[in-house]
Amino acid sequence: MRITSKYETIRRMLSELKQPEYRYAQMMDAIFKQNVGEYERMTILPKSLRDELSRLLGPNVCSIVPVKELTSKQVSKVLFAIEGGERVEAVRLTYERGWKSYCISTQCGCGFGCKFCATGTIGLKRNLTADEITDQLLYFRLNGHALDSVSFMGMGEALANPYIFDAMTILTDPHLFGLGHRRITISTIGLLPGIDKLTREFPQVNLTFSLHSPFDDQRSELMPINDRFPIRDVLKALDQHIRLTGRKVYIAYILLRGVNDTTEHAEAVAELLRGRGPVDHLYHVNLIPFNSTEVTPDSYRQSDLDRIKAFVRILKSKGIGITVRTQFGSDINAACGQLYRSE
């Protein structure tokens, strides 16, 4: 069953209430240009209409409620209450040059059980609706923060939630959030149907594939999804994505000390990515430091600096583009793999 977004609901209500066409534009202007978060405060609308909107939609434009905010250097993490008594988290990163980037959740919990990720220990509670996904950003927008870029790398597997495509339609709508497609990044553990749909419907959105091991047997152990969608099948779909879109694909690789950070691993990653498809330089590896939490296994630790440098050296020597990601927010459990909806 498809759940309509609040924006479609508002359009329909205005039409049923026989309001003039321009009312919708006035409302979107109030929300997205003037940061008005309550229907009652949209004083450009007649009082009777404001009352009716509040009665039917509730007083607030935002459907999720901030419960707690943690802040550290350059990072702010917000815990939201959603319908059904559940919680999800979203993160705002502020880079030194003033760029603001957001890490947004698409599911409450996650059902894929990747061994190194705190979110996976919760299991999947449910998919977020398109409104719950986009309202995480709306919360920051209403609080006066610029939305420079967005990545769906918060709680959950984005491509396992069918509402993600509705959410992207809302985010890229010029009358709503107006985000450029290239300002959005989707991260996936390799769900082939979702990758194909993304290639067809949102070819300019950035795509990141979480690899974390170049060996099928080890990847299956770390990430059980690999039994269903093995590495080579996913890479074939990514080759196709590159062919049809001409866009770079990012390979996320969390380095775990003594687990997947050896010379052998680095050479195998290079081997997998070299000479792929029409343009192999369109694969770019992002090396991510591991972030531990109280619910991830003690046996997983961050790689030491020498191992990271050796890994980078090997990939560079084979002509693979590589970036070592700066670590943000691990002190408030806001970094990669740490989101756990804790109070």
C-alpha atoms as a PDB file:
ATOM      1  CA  MET A   1       0.000   0.000   0.000  1.00  0.00           C
ATOM      2  CA  ARG A   2       1.396   3.400  -0.948  1.00  0.00           C
ATOM      3  CA  ILE A   3       1.331   6.073   1.745  1.00  0.00           C
ATOM      4  CA  THR A   4       0.944   9.536   0.264  1.00  0.00           C
ATOM      5  CA  SER A   5       3.225  12.312   1.438  1.00  0.00           C
ATOM      6  CA  LYS A   6       1.973  15.302   3.403  1.00  0.00           C
ATOM      7  CA  TYR A   7       2.647  17.489   0.351  1.00  0.00           C
ATOM      8  CA  GLU A   8       0.202  15.473  -1.773  1.00  0.00           C
ATOM      9  CA  THR A   9      -2.269  15.478   1.149  1.00  0.00           C
ATOM     10  CA  ILE A  10      -2.053  19.274   1.431  1.00  0.00           C
ATOM     11  CA  ARG A  11      -2.644  19.682  -2.320  1.00  0.00           C
ATOM     12  CA  ARG A  12      -5.700  17.412  -2.148  1.00  0.00           C
ATOM     13  CA  MET A  13      -7.088  19.164   0.945  1.00  0.00           C
ATOM     14  CA  LEU A  14      -6.713  22.617  -0.606  1.00  0.00           C
ATOM     15  CA  SER A  15      -8.587  21.411  -3.659  1.00  0.00           C
ATOM     16  CA  GLU A  16     -11.359  19.816  -1.536  1.00  0.00           C
ATOM     17  CA  LEU A  17     -11.645  23.032   0.497  1.00  0.00           C
ATOM     18  CA  LYS A  18     -12.063  24.938  -2.819  1.00  0.00           C
ATOM     19  CA  GLN A  19      -8.984  27.064  -2.149  1.00  0.00           C
ATOM     20  CA  PRO A  20      -7.375  29.049  -4.992  1.00  0.00           C
ATOM     21  CA  GLU A  21      -4.410  27.394  -6.796  1.00  0.00           C
ATOM     22  CA  TYR A  22      -1.815  29.768  -5.333  1.00  0.00           C
ATOM     23  CA  ARG A  23      -2.463  28.640  -1.745  1.00  0.00           C
ATOM     24  CA  TYR A  24      -0.169  25.609  -2.143  1.00  0.00           C
ATOM     25  CA  ALA A  25       2.701  27.815  -3.340  1.00  0.00           C
ATOM     26  CA  GLN A  26       2.094  30.177  -0.401  1.00  0.00           C
ATOM     27  CA  MET A  27       2.309  27.279   2.039  1.00  0.00           C
ATOM     28  CA  MET A  28       5.476  25.807   0.511  1.00  0.00           C
ATOM     29  CA  ASP A  29       6.994  29.281   0.509  1.00  0.00           C
ATOM     30  CA  ALA A  30       6.177  29.641   4.227  1.00  0.00           C
ATOM     31  CA  ILE A  31       7.779  26.250   5.017  1.00  0.00           C
ATOM     32  CA  PHE A  32      10.842  26.283   2.767  1.00  0.00           C
ATOM     33  CA  LYS A  33      11.669  29.984   2.479  1.00  0.00           C
ATOM     34  CA  GLN A  34      10.444  31.418   5.772  1.00  0.00           C
ATOM     35  CA  ASN A  35      11.058  28.338   7.965  1.00  0.00           C
ATOM     36  CA  VAL A  36       7.512  28.331   9.385  1.00  0.00           C
ATOM     37  CA  GLY A  37       6.958  24.973  11.104  1.00  0.00           C
ATOM     38  CA  GLU A  38       3.374  25.351  12.401  1.00  0.00           C
ATOM     39  CA  TYR A  39       0.255  25.726  10.254  1.00  0.00           C
ATOM     40  CA  GLU A  40      -1.126  28.240  12.762  1.00  0.00           C
ATOM     41  CA  ARG A  41       1.802  30.593  12.095  1.00  0.00           C
ATOM     42  CA  MET A  42       1.203  30.737   8.311  1.00  0.00           C
ATOM     43  CA  THR A  43      -0.473  34.119   8.680  1.00  0.00           C
ATOM     44  CA  ILE A  44      -0.714  34.630   4.911  1.00  0.00           C
ATOM     45  CA  LEU A  45      -3.511  31.982   4.980  1.00  0.00           C
ATOM     46  CA  PRO A  46      -7.049  32.740   6.211  1.00  0.00           C
ATOM     47  CA  LYS A  47      -7.578  31.796   9.877  1.00  0.00           C
ATOM     48  CA  SER A  48     -10.317  29.271   8.989  1.00  0.00           C
ATOM     49  CA  LEU A  49      -7.902  27.438   6.654  1.00  0.00           C
ATOM     50  CA  ARG A  50      -5.115  27.415   9.260  1.00  0.00           C
ATOM     51  CA  ASP A  51      -7.511  25.932  11.817  1.00  0.00           C
ATOM     52  CA  GLU A  52      -8.652  23.264   9.372  1.00  0.00           C
ATOM     53  CA  LEU A  53      -5.050  22.318   8.445  1.00  0.00           C
ATOM     54  CA  SER A  54      -4.088  22.054  12.134  1.00  0.00           C
ATOM     55  CA  ARG A  55      -7.188  19.957  12.840  1.00  0.00           C
ATOM     56  CA  LEU A  56      -6.556  17.520   9.994  1.00  0.00           C
ATOM     57  CA  LEU A  57      -2.738  17.378   9.970  1.00  0.00           C
ATOM     58  CA  GLY A  58      -1.827  18.236  13.567  1.00  0.00           C
ATOM     59  CA  PRO A  59      -0.245  21.553  14.624  1.00  0.00           C
ATOM     60  CA  ASN A  60       3.270  20.903  13.250  1.00  0.00           C
ATOM     61  CA  VAL A  61       4.448  20.539   9.674  1.00  0.00           C
ATOM     62  CA  CYS A  62       7.107  18.062  10.881  1.00  0.00           C
ATOM     63  CA  SER A  63       5.758  14.576  11.664  1.00  0.00           C
ATOM     64  CA  ILE A  64       8.728  13.522  13.817  1.00  0.00           C
ATOM     65  CA  VAL A  65       9.637  14.981  17.209  1.00  0.00           C
ATOM     66  CA  PRO A  66      13.184  15.783  18.353  1.00  0.00           C
ATOM     67  CA  VAL A  67      13.777  14.093  21.729  1.00  0.00           C
ATOM     68  CA  LYS A  68      17.449  14.798  22.324  1.00  0.00           C
ATOM     69  CA  GLU A  69      20.357  16.494  20.575  1.00  0.00           C
ATOM     70  CA  LEU A  70      24.050  15.733  21.169  1.00  0.00           C
ATOM     71  CA  THR A  71      26.710  18.059  19.827  1.00  0.00           C
ATOM     72  CA  SER A  72      30.465  17.751  19.484  1.00  0.00           C
ATOM     73  CA  LYS A  73      33.024  19.497  17.280  1.00  0.00           C
ATOM     74  CA  GLN A  74      31.477  19.895  13.810  1.00  0.00           C
ATOM     75  CA  VAL A  75      28.794  17.255  14.491  1.00  0.00           C
ATOM     76  CA  SER A  76      25.259  17.329  15.810  1.00  0.00           C
ATOM     77  CA  LYS A  77      23.163  14.173  16.303  1.00  0.00           C
ATOM     78  CA  VAL A  78      19.400  14.326  16.837  1.00  0.00           C
ATOM     79  CA  LEU A  79      17.269  11.518  18.236  1.00  0.00           C
ATOM     80  CA  PHE A  80      13.714  11.680  16.856  1.00  0.00           C
ATOM     81  CA  ALA A  81      10.548  10.033  18.159  1.00  0.00           C
ATOM     82  CA  ILE A  82       8.444   8.532  15.363  1.00  0.00           C
ATOM     83  CA  GLU A  83       4.987   6.994  15.338  1.00  0.00           C
ATOM     84  CA  GLY A  84       4.675   3.703  17.204  1.00  0.00           C
ATOM     85  CA  GLY A  85       6.956   4.747  20.058  1.00  0.00           C
ATOM     86  CA  GLU A  86      10.157   4.088  18.079  1.00  0.00           C
ATOM     87  CA  ARG A  87      13.272   6.252  17.722  1.00  0.00           C
ATOM     88  CA  VAL A  88      15.598   7.107  14.831  1.00  0.00           C
ATOM     89  CA  GLU A  89      18.739   9.233  14.586  1.00  0.00           C
ATOM     90  CA  ALA A  90      20.040  11.769  12.075  1.00  0.00           C
ATOM     91  CA  VAL A  91      23.394  13.541  11.962  1.00  0.00           C
ATOM     92  CA  ARG A  92      24.461  16.997  10.757  1.00  0.00           C
ATOM     93  CA  LEU A  93      28.115  17.494   9.788  1.00  0.00           C
ATOM     94  CA  THR A  94      29.593  20.963   9.354  1.00  0.00           C
ATOM     95  CA  TYR A  95      32.836  21.057   7.374  1.00  0.00           C
ATOM     96  CA  GLU A  96      35.489  23.730   7.926  1.00  0.00           C
ATOM     97  CA  ARG A  97      34.572  25.583   4.755  1.00  0.00           C
ATOM     98  CA  GLY A  98      30.973  25.896   6.022  1.00  0.00           C
ATOM     99  CA  TRP A  99      29.426  23.094   3.921  1.00  0.00           C
ATOM    100  CA  LYS A 100      26.623  21.281   5.784  1.00  0.00           C
ATOM    101  CA  SER A 101      26.041  17.621   5.102  1.00  0.00           C
ATOM    102  CA  TYR A 102      23.379  15.340   6.606  1.00  0.00           C
ATOM    103  CA  CYS A 103      23.320  11.642   7.323  1.00  0.00           C
ATOM    104  CA  ILE A 104      19.703  10.493   7.318  1.00  0.00           C
ATOM    105  CA  SER A 105      17.967   7.279   8.421  1.00  0.00           C
ATOM    106  CA  THR A 106      15.649   5.327   6.120  1.00  0.00           C
ATOM    107  CA  GLN A 107      14.581   2.507   8.464  1.00  0.00           C
ATOM    108  CA  CYS A 108      14.087   2.119  12.182  1.00  0.00           C
ATOM    109  CA  GLY A 109      16.767  -0.472  12.899  1.00  0.00           C
ATOM    110  CA  CYS A 110      18.034  -2.751  10.136  1.00  0.00           C
ATOM    111  CA  GLY A 111      17.363  -6.373   9.297  1.00  0.00           C
ATOM    112  CA  PHE A 112      20.606  -7.245   7.489  1.00  0.00           C
ATOM    113  CA  GLY A 113      22.794  -7.955  10.520  1.00  0.00           C
ATOM    114  CA  CYS A 114      26.203  -6.746   9.310  1.00  0.00           C
ATOM    115  CA  LYS A 115      28.529  -7.833  12.119  1.00  0.00           C
ATOM    116  CA  PHE A 116      30.362  -4.515  12.614  1.00  0.00           C
ATOM    117  CA  CYS A 117      27.321  -2.214  12.718  1.00  0.00           C
ATOM    118  CA  ALA A 118      25.417  -1.153  15.851  1.00  0.00           C
ATOM    119  CA  THR A 119      22.178  -0.486  13.952  1.00  0.00           C
ATOM    120  CA  GLY A 120      22.047  -4.116  12.807  1.00  0.00           C
ATOM    121  CA  THR A 121      21.878  -5.388  16.399  1.00  0.00           C
ATOM    122  CA  ILE A 122      18.405  -3.819  16.781  1.00  0.00           C
ATOM    123  CA  GLY A 123      16.877  -5.814  13.923  1.00  0.00           C
ATOM    124  CA  LEU A 124      14.368  -4.150  11.600  1.00  0.00           C
ATOM    125  CA  LYS A 125      11.487  -2.414  13.378  1.00  0.00           C
ATOM    126  CA  ARG A 126       9.981  -0.869  10.251  1.00  0.00           C
ATOM    127  CA  ASN A 127      10.528   1.183   7.113  1.00  0.00           C
ATOM    128  CA  LEU A 128      10.231   4.945   7.529  1.00  0.00           C
ATOM    129  CA  THR A 129       7.621   6.691   5.372  1.00  0.00           C
ATOM    130  CA  ALA A 130       8.668   9.272   2.779  1.00  0.00           C
ATOM    131  CA  ASP A 131       7.612  12.015   5.237  1.00  0.00           C
ATOM    132  CA  GLU A 132       9.597  10.515   8.123  1.00  0.00           C
ATOM    133  CA  ILE A 133      12.679  10.324   5.907  1.00  0.00           C
ATOM    134  CA  THR A 134      12.395  13.872   4.539  1.00  0.00           C
ATOM    135  CA  ASP A 135      11.204  15.363   7.867  1.00  0.00           C
ATOM    136  CA  GLN A 136      14.626  14.624   9.367  1.00  0.00           C
ATOM    137  CA  LEU A 137      15.961  17.185   6.893  1.00  0.00           C
ATOM    138  CA  LEU A 138      12.959  19.464   7.291  1.00  0.00           C
ATOM    139  CA  TYR A 139      13.738  19.691  11.019  1.00  0.00           C
ATOM    140  CA  PHE A 140      17.215  21.097  10.259  1.00  0.00           C
ATOM    141  CA  ARG A 141      15.826  23.324   7.483  1.00  0.00           C
ATOM    142  CA  LEU A 142      13.193  24.834   9.802  1.00  0.00           C
ATOM    143  CA  ASN A 143      15.967  25.546  12.296  1.00  0.00           C
ATOM    144  CA  GLY A 144      17.743  27.683   9.727  1.00  0.00           C
ATOM    145  CA  HIS A 145      20.416  25.243   8.529  1.00  0.00           C
ATOM    146  CA  ALA A 146      21.364  25.143   4.849  1.00  0.00           C
ATOM    147  CA  LEU A 147      20.942  21.724   3.224  1.00  0.00           C
ATOM    148  CA  ASP A 148      24.072  21.383   1.111  1.00  0.00           C
ATOM    149  CA  SER A 149      24.209  17.610   0.706  1.00  0.00           C
ATOM    150  CA  VAL A 150      22.427  14.541   1.999  1.00  0.00           C
ATOM    151  CA  SER A 151      23.478  10.931   2.341  1.00  0.00           C
ATOM    152  CA  PHE A 152      21.203   8.029   3.163  1.00  0.00           C
ATOM    153  CA  MET A 153      23.776   6.378   5.386  1.00  0.00           C
ATOM    154  CA  GLY A 154      21.945   6.633   8.708  1.00  0.00           C
ATOM    155  CA  MET A 155      19.982   3.757  10.219  1.00  0.00           C
ATOM    156  CA  GLY A 156      18.810   1.071   7.801  1.00  0.00           C
ATOM    157  CA  GLU A 157      19.458  -0.031   4.226  1.00  0.00           C
ATOM    158  CA  ALA A 158      18.038   2.679   1.964  1.00  0.00           C
ATOM    159  CA  LEU A 159      17.312   0.451  -1.038  1.00  0.00           C
ATOM    160  CA  ALA A 160      15.357  -2.022   1.128  1.00  0.00           C
ATOM    161  CA  ASN A 161      12.754   0.690   1.750  1.00  0.00           C
ATOM    162  CA  PRO A 162      10.466   1.292  -1.268  1.00  0.00           C
ATOM    163  CA  TYR A 163       9.565   4.763   0.119  1.00  0.00           C
ATOM    164  CA  ILE A 164      13.129   5.960  -0.522  1.00  0.00           C
ATOM    165  CA  PHE A 165      12.159   6.753  -4.129  1.00  0.00           C
ATOM    166  CA  ASP A 166       9.186   8.879  -2.974  1.00  0.00           C
ATOM    167  CA  ALA A 167      11.519  10.625  -0.533  1.00  0.00           C
ATOM    168  CA  MET A 168      13.992  11.451  -3.322  1.00  0.00           C
ATOM    169  CA  THR A 169      11.149  12.784  -5.473  1.00  0.00           C
ATOM    170  CA  ILE A 170      10.211  15.134  -2.597  1.00  0.00           C
ATOM    171  CA  LEU A 171      13.827  16.195  -1.962  1.00  0.00           C
ATOM    172  CA  THR A 172      14.495  17.013  -5.615  1.00  0.00           C
ATOM    173  CA  ASP A 173      11.147  18.785  -6.222  1.00  0.00           C
ATOM    174  CA  PRO A 174      12.061  22.410  -7.069  1.00  0.00           C
ATOM    175  CA  HIS A 175       8.954  23.670  -5.194  1.00  0.00           C
ATOM    176  CA  LEU A 176       9.929  21.777  -2.025  1.00  0.00           C
ATOM    177  CA  PHE A 177      13.512  21.032  -0.903  1.00  0.00           C
ATOM    178  CA  GLY A 178      14.897  21.705  -4.398  1.00  0.00           C
ATOM    179  CA  LEU A 179      18.023  19.587  -3.859  1.00  0.00           C
ATOM    180  CA  GLY A 180      20.158  18.830  -6.913  1.00  0.00           C
ATOM    181  CA  HIS A 181      20.330  15.083  -7.682  1.00  0.00           C
ATOM    182  CA  ARG A 182      24.124  15.172  -7.403  1.00  0.00           C
ATOM    183  CA  ARG A 183      23.849  16.472  -3.838  1.00  0.00           C
ATOM    184  CA  ILE A 184      22.239  13.184  -2.763  1.00  0.00           C
ATOM    185  CA  THR A 185      24.113   9.946  -1.999  1.00  0.00           C
ATOM    186  CA  ILE A 186      22.531   6.532  -1.541  1.00  0.00           C
ATOM    187  CA  SER A 187      24.527   3.865   0.236  1.00  0.00           C
ATOM    188  CA  THR A 188      23.722   0.184  -0.247  1.00  0.00           C
ATOM    189  CA  ILE A 189      25.044  -3.200   0.850  1.00  0.00           C
ATOM    190  CA  GLY A 190      24.314  -4.347  -2.697  1.00  0.00           C
ATOM    191  CA  LEU A 191      20.572  -4.909  -3.223  1.00  0.00           C
ATOM    192  CA  LEU A 192      20.411  -5.535  -6.978  1.00  0.00           C
ATOM    193  CA  PRO A 193      16.725  -4.664  -7.605  1.00  0.00           C
ATOM    194  CA  GLY A 194      17.230  -1.320  -5.831  1.00  0.00           C
ATOM    195  CA  ILE A 195      20.444  -0.548  -7.743  1.00  0.00           C
ATOM    196  CA  ASP A 196      18.667  -1.209 -11.056  1.00  0.00           C
ATOM    197  CA  LYS A 197      15.730   1.009 -10.075  1.00  0.00           C
ATOM    198  CA  LEU A 198      18.067   3.802  -8.944  1.00  0.00           C
ATOM    199  CA  THR A 199      19.956   3.596 -12.263  1.00  0.00           C
ATOM    200  CA  ARG A 200      16.669   3.956 -14.173  1.00  0.00           C
ATOM    201  CA  GLU A 201      14.886   6.571 -12.056  1.00  0.00           C
ATOM    202  CA  PHE A 202      17.632   8.660 -10.411  1.00  0.00           C
ATOM    203  CA  PRO A 203      20.711   8.217 -12.607  1.00  0.00           C
ATOM    204  CA  GLN A 204      22.441  11.362 -11.304  1.00  0.00           C
ATOM    205  CA  VAL A 205      22.176  10.475  -7.598  1.00  0.00           C
ATOM    206  CA  ASN A 206      25.533   9.328  -6.151  1.00  0.00           C
ATOM    207  CA  LEU A 207      25.811   5.639  -5.371  1.00  0.00           C
ATOM    208  CA  THR A 208      28.020   4.052  -2.695  1.00  0.00           C
ATOM    209  CA  PHE A 209      28.483   0.292  -2.406  1.00  0.00           C
ATOM    210  CA  SER A 210      29.554  -1.107   0.998  1.00  0.00           C
ATOM    211  CA  LEU A 211      32.143  -3.761   0.149  1.00  0.00           C
ATOM    212  CA  HIS A 212      34.195  -4.320   3.351  1.00  0.00           C
ATOM    213  CA  SER A 213      35.872  -7.468   2.005  1.00  0.00           C
ATOM    214  CA  PRO A 214      36.918  -8.525  -1.515  1.00  0.00           C
ATOM    215  CA  PHE A 215      36.494 -12.245  -0.658  1.00  0.00           C
ATOM    216  CA  ASP A 216      33.002 -13.754  -0.928  1.00  0.00           C
ATOM    217  CA  ASP A 217      33.375 -16.184   1.988  1.00  0.00           C
ATOM    218  CA  GLN A 218      34.625 -13.495   4.355  1.00  0.00           C
ATOM    219  CA  ARG A 219      32.136 -10.906   3.122  1.00  0.00           C
ATOM    220  CA  SER A 220      29.280 -13.378   3.718  1.00  0.00           C
ATOM    221  CA  GLU A 221      30.539 -13.809   7.266  1.00  0.00           C
ATOM    222  CA  LEU A 222      30.686 -10.022   7.857  1.00  0.00           C
ATOM    223  CA  MET A 223      27.596  -9.233   5.783  1.00  0.00           C
ATOM    224  CA  PRO A 224      25.107 -12.122   5.366  1.00  0.00           C
ATOM    225  CA  ILE A 225      23.483 -10.345   2.362  1.00  0.00           C
ATOM    226  CA  ASN A 226      26.485 -11.508   0.314  1.00  0.00           C
ATOM    227  CA  ASP A 227      24.950 -15.003   0.104  1.00  0.00           C
ATOM    228  CA  ARG A 228      22.033 -13.498  -1.820  1.00  0.00           C
ATOM    229  CA  PHE A 229      23.913 -10.872  -3.826  1.00  0.00           C
ATOM    230  CA  PRO A 230      27.569 -11.904  -4.166  1.00  0.00           C
ATOM    231  CA  ILE A 231      30.289  -9.357  -4.943  1.00  0.00           C
ATOM    232  CA  ARG A 232      30.651 -10.138  -8.664  1.00  0.00           C
ATOM    233  CA  ASP A 233      26.913  -9.843  -9.327  1.00  0.00           C
ATOM    234  CA  VAL A 234      26.800  -6.473  -7.574  1.00  0.00           C
ATOM    235  CA  LEU A 235      29.863  -5.221  -9.476  1.00  0.00           C
ATOM    236  CA  LYS A 236      28.201  -6.213 -12.769  1.00  0.00           C
ATOM    237  CA  ALA A 237      25.186  -4.063 -11.823  1.00  0.00           C
ATOM    238  CA  LEU A 238      27.542  -1.213 -10.853  1.00  0.00           C
ATOM    239  CA  ASP A 239      29.375  -1.516 -14.205  1.00  0.00           C
ATOM    240  CA  GLN A 240      25.996  -1.176 -15.885  1.00  0.00           C
ATOM    241  CA  HIS A 241      25.186   1.843 -13.659  1.00  0.00           C
ATOM    242  CA  ILE A 242      28.445   3.523 -14.747  1.00  0.00           C
ATOM    243  CA  ARG A 243      27.794   2.676 -18.408  1.00  0.00           C
ATOM    244  CA  LEU A 244      24.303   4.157 -18.388  1.00  0.00           C
ATOM    245  CA  THR A 245      24.947   7.194 -16.168  1.00  0.00           C
ATOM    246  CA  GLY A 246      28.596   8.098 -16.737  1.00  0.00           C
ATOM    247  CA  ARG A 247      28.764   8.684 -12.953  1.00  0.00           C
ATOM    248  CA  LYS A 248      31.390   7.638 -10.446  1.00  0.00           C
ATOM    249  CA  VAL A 249      30.540   4.795  -8.035  1.00  0.00           C
ATOM    250  CA  TYR A 250      32.002   4.922  -4.529  1.00  0.00           C
ATOM    251  CA  ILE A 251      33.181   1.789  -2.748  1.00  0.00           C
ATOM    252  CA  ALA A 252      32.918   2.050   1.051  1.00  0.00           C
ATOM    253  CA  TYR A 253      35.435  -0.080   2.938  1.00  0.00           C
ATOM    254  CA  ILE A 254      35.576  -0.129   6.747  1.00  0.00           C
ATOM    255  CA  LEU A 255      39.043  -1.192   7.892  1.00  0.00           C
ATOM    256  CA  LEU A 256      39.003  -3.777  10.716  1.00  0.00           C
ATOM    257  CA  ARG A 257      42.371  -4.503  12.288  1.00  0.00           C
ATOM    258  CA  GLY A 258      43.693  -7.935  11.349  1.00  0.00           C
ATOM    259  CA  VAL A 259      40.374  -8.828   9.677  1.00  0.00           C
ATOM    260  CA  ASN A 260      40.231  -7.083   6.284  1.00  0.00           C
ATOM    261  CA  ASP A 261      43.202  -4.688   6.279  1.00  0.00           C
ATOM    262  CA  THR A 262      46.015  -6.960   5.046  1.00  0.00           C
ATOM    263  CA  THR A 263      48.166  -6.564   1.936  1.00  0.00           C
ATOM    264  CA  GLU A 264      46.266  -9.504   0.439  1.00  0.00           C
ATOM    265  CA  HIS A 265      42.973  -7.673   0.940  1.00  0.00           C
ATOM    266  CA  ALA A 266      44.270  -4.462  -0.619  1.00  0.00           C
ATOM    267  CA  GLU A 267      45.560  -6.322  -3.676  1.00  0.00           C
ATOM    268  CA  ALA A 268      42.284  -8.220  -4.052  1.00  0.00           C
ATOM    269  CA  VAL A 269      40.257  -4.966  -3.861  1.00  0.00           C
ATOM    270  CA  ALA A 270      42.460  -3.474  -6.601  1.00  0.00           C
ATOM    271  CA  GLU A 271      42.077  -6.648  -8.658  1.00  0.00           C
ATOM    272  CA  LEU A 272      38.263  -6.489  -8.366  1.00  0.00           C
ATOM    273  CA  LEU A 273      38.084  -2.860  -9.507  1.00  0.00           C
ATOM    274  CA  ARG A 274      40.809  -2.653 -12.133  1.00  0.00           C
ATOM    275  CA  GLY A 275      39.840  -2.683 -15.771  1.00  0.00           C
ATOM    276  CA  ARG A 276      36.128  -2.928 -15.015  1.00  0.00           C
ATOM    277  CA  GLY A 277      33.572  -1.805 -17.539  1.00  0.00           C
ATOM    278  CA  PRO A 278      34.211   0.977 -20.028  1.00  0.00           C
ATOM    279  CA  VAL A 279      35.914   3.313 -17.538  1.00  0.00           C
ATOM    280  CA  ASP A 280      37.490   1.759 -14.458  1.00  0.00           C
ATOM    281  CA  HIS A 281      38.605   5.106 -13.048  1.00  0.00           C
ATOM    282  CA  LEU A 282      34.946   5.741 -12.217  1.00  0.00           C
ATOM    283  CA  TYR A 283      35.311   3.469  -9.188  1.00  0.00           C
ATOM    284  CA  HIS A 284      36.555   5.378  -6.147  1.00  0.00           C
ATOM    285  CA  VAL A 285      37.344   3.730  -2.796  1.00  0.00           C
ATOM    286  CA  ASN A 286      36.454   5.467   0.494  1.00  0.00           C
ATOM    287  CA  LEU A 287      38.389   3.911   3.379  1.00  0.00           C
ATOM    288  CA  ILE A 288      36.462   4.372   6.629  1.00  0.00           C
ATOM    289  CA  PRO A 289      37.925   4.012  10.136  1.00  0.00           C
ATOM    290  CA  PHE A 290      36.006   1.462  12.207  1.00  0.00           C
ATOM    291  CA  ASN A 291      33.943   2.967  15.035  1.00  0.00           C
ATOM    292  CA  SER A 292      33.270   0.673  17.967  1.00  0.00           C
ATOM    293  CA  THR A 293      30.195   0.828  20.217  1.00  0.00           C
ATOM    294  CA  GLU A 294      29.097  -1.109  23.284  1.00  0.00           C
ATOM    295  CA  VAL A 295      27.014  -3.448  21.080  1.00  0.00           C
ATOM    296  CA  THR A 296      29.607  -4.294  18.392  1.00  0.00           C
ATOM    297  CA  PRO A 297      32.034  -7.222  18.971  1.00  0.00           C
ATOM    298  CA  ASP A 298      35.173  -6.444  21.018  1.00  0.00           C
ATOM    299  CA  SER A 299      37.230  -8.392  18.482  1.00  0.00           C
ATOM    300  CA  TYR A 300      36.767  -5.579  15.940  1.00  0.00           C
ATOM    301  CA  ARG A 301      39.244  -2.751  16.268  1.00  0.00           C
ATOM    302  CA  GLN A 302      40.455   0.214  14.255  1.00  0.00           C
ATOM    303  CA  SER A 303      43.372  -0.476  11.924  1.00  0.00           C
ATOM    304  CA  ASP A 304      46.638   1.159  12.930  1.00  0.00           C
ATOM    305  CA  LEU A 305      48.069   3.981  10.847  1.00  0.00           C
ATOM    306  CA  ASP A 306      50.785   1.884   9.168  1.00  0.00           C
ATOM    307  CA  ARG A 307      48.239  -0.633   7.880  1.00  0.00           C
ATOM    308  CA  ILE A 308      46.014   2.165   6.544  1.00  0.00           C
ATOM    309  CA  LYS A 309      48.988   3.772   4.769  1.00  0.00           C
ATOM    310  CA  ALA A 310      50.029   0.420   3.257  1.00  0.00           C
ATOM    311  CA  PHE A 311      46.460  -0.221   2.045  1.00  0.00           C
ATOM    312  CA  VAL A 312      46.330   3.227   0.425  1.00  0.00           C
ATOM    313  CA  ARG A 313      49.768   2.754  -1.166  1.00  0.00           C
ATOM    314  CA  ILE A 314      48.783  -0.546  -2.774  1.00  0.00           C
ATOM    315  CA  LEU A 315      45.501   0.792  -4.210  1.00  0.00           C
ATOM    316  CA  LYS A 316      47.189   3.940  -5.534  1.00  0.00           C
ATOM    317  CA  SER A 317      49.981   1.896  -7.152  1.00  0.00           C
ATOM    318  CA  LYS A 318      47.291  -0.024  -9.077  1.00  0.00           C
ATOM    319  CA  GLY A 319      45.649   3.206 -10.262  1.00  0.00           C
ATOM    320  CA  ILE A 320      42.600   3.056  -7.985  1.00  0.00           C
ATOM    321  CA  GLY A 321      41.233   6.398  -6.725  1.00  0.00           C
ATOM    322  CA  ILE A 322      41.108   6.412  -2.935  1.00  0.00           C
ATOM    323  CA  THR A 323      40.181   8.701  -0.034  1.00  0.00           C
ATOM    324  CA  VAL A 324      40.646   8.022   3.675  1.00  0.00           C
ATOM    325  CA  ARG A 325      37.537   9.430   5.309  1.00  0.00           C
ATOM    326  CA  THR A 326      37.987  11.908   8.142  1.00  0.00           C
ATOM    327  CA  GLN A 327      36.434  10.638  11.321  1.00  0.00           C
ATOM    328  CA  PHE A 328      33.655  12.784  12.701  1.00  0.00           C
ATOM    329  CA  GLY A 329      31.399  12.361  15.678  1.00  0.00           C
ATOM    330  CA  SER A 330      32.632   9.063  17.133  1.00  0.00           C
ATOM    331  CA  ASP A 331      32.755  10.705  20.576  1.00  0.00           C
ATOM    332  CA  ILE A 332      28.946  11.058  20.524  1.00  0.00           C
ATOM    333  CA  ASN A 333      28.320   7.761  18.665  1.00  0.00           C
ATOM    334  CA  ALA A 334      27.390   9.694  15.515  1.00  0.00           C
ATOM    335  CA  ALA A 335      29.965   8.167  13.178  1.00  0.00           C
ATOM    336  CA  CYS A 336      29.576   5.397  10.558  1.00  0.00           C
ATOM    337  CA  GLY A 337      27.927   2.271  11.971  1.00  0.00           C
ATOM    338  CA  GLN A 338      27.245   3.772  15.397  1.00  0.00           C
ATOM    339  CA  LEU A 339      23.598   4.862  15.138  1.00  0.00           C
ATOM    340  CA  TYR A 340      21.634   2.911  17.699  1.00  0.00           C
ATOM    341  CA  ARG A 341      18.605   5.118  18.621  1.00  0.00           C
ATOM    342  CA  SER A 342      19.777   5.151  22.256  1.00  0.00           C
ATOM    343  CA  GLU A 343      18.410   7.672  24.741  1.00  0.00           C
END
